[in-house]
C-alpha atoms as a PDB file:
ATOM      1  CA  MET A   1     269.973   9.288 202.836  1.00  0.00           C
ATOM      2  CA  VAL A   2     272.463  12.009 203.630  1.00  0.00           C
ATOM      3  CA  LYS A   3     272.939  13.940 200.527  1.00  0.00           C
ATOM      4  CA  LYS A   4     276.387  15.241 199.593  1.00  0.00           C
ATOM      5  CA  ILE A   5     276.897  19.236 199.449  1.00  0.00           C
ATOM      6  CA  LYS A   6     278.883  20.341 196.681  1.00  0.00           C
ATOM      7  CA  ASN A   7     280.425  23.738 195.822  1.00  0.00           C
ATOM      8  CA  SER A   8     279.057  25.145 198.902  1.00  0.00           C
ATOM      9  CA  ASP A   9     275.482  25.149 197.470  1.00  0.00           C
ATOM     10  CA  MET A  10     273.400  25.593 200.240  1.00  0.00           C
ATOM     11  CA  THR A  11     270.049  25.741 198.495  1.00  0.00           C
ATOM     12  CA  GLU A  12     268.500  22.485 199.408  1.00  0.00           C
ATOM     13  CA  ALA A  13     269.493  22.702 203.016  1.00  0.00           C
ATOM     14  CA  LYS A  14     268.093  26.292 203.390  1.00  0.00           C
ATOM     15  CA  ASN A  15     264.878  25.331 201.857  1.00  0.00           C
ATOM     16  CA  SER A  16     264.610  22.291 204.193  1.00  0.00           C
ATOM     17  CA  LYS A  17     262.144  22.624 207.473  1.00  0.00           C
ATOM     18  CA  VAL A  18     264.885  21.089 209.508  1.00  0.00           C
ATOM     19  CA  ALA A  19     268.599  20.240 208.052  1.00  0.00           C
ATOM     20  CA  VAL A  20     271.317  18.665 209.540  1.00  0.00           C
ATOM     21  CA  ILE A  21     274.712  19.271 208.024  1.00  0.00           C
ATOM     22  CA  ASP A  22     277.478  16.877 208.661  1.00  0.00           C
ATOM     23  CA  PHE A  23     280.885  18.706 208.111  1.00  0.00           C
ATOM     24  CA  SER A  24     283.595  15.919 207.733  1.00  0.00           C
ATOM     25  CA  ALA A  25     286.671  14.979 205.883  1.00  0.00           C
ATOM     26  CA  VAL A  26     287.724  11.621 204.342  1.00  0.00           C
ATOM     27  CA  TRP A  27     290.848  11.424 206.569  1.00  0.00           C
ATOM     28  CA  CYS A  28     289.186  12.102 209.698  1.00  0.00           C
ATOM     29  CA  GLY A  29     288.833   9.042 211.746  1.00  0.00           C
ATOM     30  CA  PRO A  30     285.522  10.137 213.751  1.00  0.00           C
ATOM     31  CA  CYS A  31     283.584  11.605 210.869  1.00  0.00           C
ATOM     32  CA  LYS A  32     284.105   7.748 209.587  1.00  0.00           C
ATOM     33  CA  MET A  33     282.491   6.546 212.625  1.00  0.00           C
ATOM     34  CA  LEU A  34     279.639   9.279 212.593  1.00  0.00           C
ATOM     35  CA  GLU A  35     278.810   8.530 208.874  1.00  0.00           C
ATOM     36  CA  PRO A  36     276.909   5.035 209.717  1.00  0.00           C
ATOM     37  CA  VAL A  37     275.308   6.659 212.509  1.00  0.00           C
ATOM     38  CA  LEU A  38     274.154   9.633 210.208  1.00  0.00           C
ATOM     39  CA  GLU A  39     272.531   7.293 207.537  1.00  0.00           C
ATOM     40  CA  GLU A  40     270.500   5.544 210.156  1.00  0.00           C
ATOM     41  CA  LEU A  41     269.214   8.519 211.232  1.00  0.00           C
ATOM     42  CA  SER A  42     268.479   9.830 208.271  1.00  0.00           C
ATOM     43  CA  GLU A  43     266.466   6.981 207.480  1.00  0.00           C
ATOM     44  CA  GLU A  44     264.501   6.782 210.958  1.00  0.00           C
ATOM     45  CA  MET A  45     263.900  10.491 210.842  1.00  0.00           C
ATOM     46  CA  ALA A  46     263.379  11.197 207.088  1.00  0.00           C
ATOM     47  CA  GLU A  47     259.979  12.807 208.129  1.00  0.00           C
ATOM     48  CA  GLN A  48     261.421  15.522 210.128  1.00  0.00           C
ATOM     49  CA  ILE A  49     265.026  16.183 209.014  1.00  0.00           C
ATOM     50  CA  THR A  50     267.003  16.286 205.760  1.00  0.00           C
ATOM     51  CA  PHE A  51     270.588  15.566 206.235  1.00  0.00           C
ATOM     52  CA  PHE A  52     273.566  16.615 204.278  1.00  0.00           C
ATOM     53  CA  SER A  53     277.278  16.234 204.259  1.00  0.00           C
ATOM     54  CA  ALA A  54     280.054  18.450 203.514  1.00  0.00           C
ATOM     55  CA  ASP A  55     283.559  17.690 202.880  1.00  0.00           C
ATOM     56  CA  VAL A  56     285.656  20.570 204.561  1.00  0.00           C
ATOM     57  CA  ASP A  57     288.445  20.138 202.249  1.00  0.00           C
ATOM     58  CA  ASN A  58     286.070  20.363 199.172  1.00  0.00           C
ATOM     59  CA  ASN A  59     283.601  23.255 200.867  1.00  0.00           C
ATOM     60  CA  MET A  60     286.081  25.676 202.600  1.00  0.00           C
ATOM     61  CA  GLU A  61     284.060  28.577 202.102  1.00  0.00           C
ATOM     62  CA  LEU A  62     281.002  27.008 203.710  1.00  0.00           C
ATOM     63  CA  ALA A  63     283.015  25.692 206.508  1.00  0.00           C
ATOM     64  CA  GLN A  64     284.308  29.254 207.276  1.00  0.00           C
ATOM     65  CA  GLN A  65     280.812  30.608 207.068  1.00  0.00           C
ATOM     66  CA  PHE A  66     279.980  28.006 209.677  1.00  0.00           C
ATOM     67  CA  ARG A  67     283.087  28.719 211.606  1.00  0.00           C
ATOM     68  CA  ILE A  68     283.969  24.634 211.754  1.00  0.00           C
ATOM     69  CA  MET A  69     287.086  24.479 213.904  1.00  0.00           C
ATOM     70  CA  ASN A  70     286.737  20.812 214.603  1.00  0.00           C
ATOM     71  CA  ILE A  71     285.250  17.944 212.917  1.00  0.00           C
ATOM     72  CA  PRO A  72     282.884  16.223 212.786  1.00  0.00           C
ATOM     73  CA  ALA A  73     280.635  19.008 213.455  1.00  0.00           C
ATOM     74  CA  LEU A  74     277.004  18.894 213.035  1.00  0.00           C
ATOM     75  CA  VAL A  75     275.253  22.335 212.261  1.00  0.00           C
ATOM     76  CA  VAL A  76     271.385  22.087 212.295  1.00  0.00           C
ATOM     77  CA  LEU A  77     269.273  24.735 210.273  1.00  0.00           C
ATOM     78  CA  LYS A  78     265.529  25.447 210.935  1.00  0.00           C
ATOM     79  CA  ASP A  79     263.852  27.118 208.182  1.00  0.00           C
ATOM     80  CA  GLY A  80     267.095  28.317 207.110  1.00  0.00           C
ATOM     81  CA  GLU A  81     268.614  29.723 209.797  1.00  0.00           C
ATOM     82  CA  GLN A  82     271.427  28.021 212.427  1.00  0.00           C
ATOM     83  CA  VAL A  83     269.853  26.864 215.696  1.00  0.00           C
ATOM     84  CA  GLY A  84     272.160  24.493 216.924  1.00  0.00           C
ATOM     85  CA  MET A  85     275.449  22.884 216.291  1.00  0.00           C
ATOM     86  CA  THR A  86     277.620  19.895 218.175  1.00  0.00           C
ATOM     87  CA  VAL A  87     281.180  18.571 217.592  1.00  0.00           C
ATOM     88  CA  GLY A  88     282.891  15.167 217.787  1.00  0.00           C
ATOM     89  CA  PHE A  89     281.511  11.846 217.559  1.00  0.00           C
ATOM     90  CA  GLN A  90     278.044  10.852 219.720  1.00  0.00           C
ATOM     91  CA  PRO A  91     276.382   7.739 219.813  1.00  0.00           C
ATOM     92  CA  LYS A  92     273.188   7.259 217.753  1.00  0.00           C
ATOM     93  CA  GLU A  93     270.784   7.767 221.051  1.00  0.00           C
ATOM     94  CA  GLU A  94     272.539  10.522 222.103  1.00  0.00           C
ATOM     95  CA  LEU A  95     272.388  12.212 218.606  1.00  0.00           C
ATOM     96  CA  LYS A  96     268.974  11.295 218.285  1.00  0.00           C
ATOM     97  CA  ASN A  97     267.952  12.853 221.765  1.00  0.00           C
ATOM     98  CA  TYR A  98     269.922  16.027 220.773  1.00  0.00           C
ATOM     99  CA  LEU A  99     268.038  16.365 217.173  1.00  0.00           C
ATOM    100  CA  ASP A 100     264.579  15.589 218.571  1.00  0.00           C
ATOM    101  CA  GLN A 101     264.477  19.048 219.981  1.00  0.00           C
ATOM    102  CA  TYR A 102     264.575  20.637 216.510  1.00  0.00           C
ATOM    103  CA  CYS A 103     261.716  18.592 215.050  1.00  0.00           C
END
């Protein structure tokens, strides 16, 4: 399950061993395409990674903090520190291979 971040509250994400934050928006086509992929990965990788979603329109401060210029953008945190970032849609297997390096 992908958990929603509200009011730029990163507490749970920063306390996770490994967290992926999906920066997206409701009006973004590629974001909509990525949503089901992330849902599947969140089920498959639940033991290793916690998945979050942050709407850039509702969490502007957070998007600025992570210097999000394009969406969808996935930020990877390990022990609360940013260790990776990828931008744009990726197929499930490609994204899984990318995330495996952080587990």
